[in-house]
Amino acid sequence: MFQNACRDLRPSIFGVRAMTPDVNQPGNFKMSLGSGFLIAPNIIATSAHSMRDLDSGNQHVSFQVIRSTDIGQNPVDAELIIQDPHSDVAILRVPTANFNDVVRLDGAFQNKGSMVGTLGFPLSDLTPNGAWGLIERFQHAFISAYTLHSFYGHNIMFYETDSLMYGGSSGCPAFNSEGAVIGMQSGFVNSKAGSQISISLLAPTTSVIQLAQANNIIGLNINQAEITVTVSNDN
């Protein structure tokens, strides 16, 4: 079902790493790893929380990306141009490249039961010599609910899906079988029972579109007009 979508999206998928020099170990870096996708020429959307150090919460100071089809080559430098911690969306620019395989952004509301796929670099890691270990992985899930979630004290609508998230999943595009991006993997919610079971949150594509348009990003490929979603308490 998703074979053609994965093939078409591959040139638009990026590994993302954010870095800060480690003051306790000169020459080393603290890093956060994630995924991202091309929303306009040389413009990549990813998760805002991946732009920060997990332990301290401080903003990272340098950023690199590598396109899925370029794995094995050197990553290229990127710059963080805007982020919205509330919606967990960040936008990077790659000033020295010529990336043009822009995804189709679908801002339409997605119904419960809709199947979505994600593509990116969950379980990415660093080898002992500091090399970036990347394996492109596809996952699928169903939209199971809509929820208001707060990262920094401001409730935003997210989709819930019935899949687990792994390190490196944040920033993966979520897309339908036609390859249109309907959301972005963001965070997860642990079971209230305290078990290891969790559900994934997808930031809707509307959050990406709104942040990009508010900051004059041109070259977006939008499938449909944005739709405002009202979340009721019984969802």
Foldseek 3Di string as FASTA:
>chain_A
DQPVLCVLQQQFKKKKKFWAADPVDGPDIQIAIAMWGAQFWQKTKFFQQRQARPPPRHGGDWMWMDGRVRPVDDTATWAWDDADNFLRMTMIGGVPDGRGSHFEAEQDDDDFFAKKKWWYFFPWDADPVGDTRGDIDMDMWTFHAWDFDGPPPDTDIWTKTQDDGHRRQTHIFIGHSVNHGFWTWYAWDDDPVPDRHIITTTRGSVVVVVVCVVVPNPGGNYDDDHDDDDHDPVD
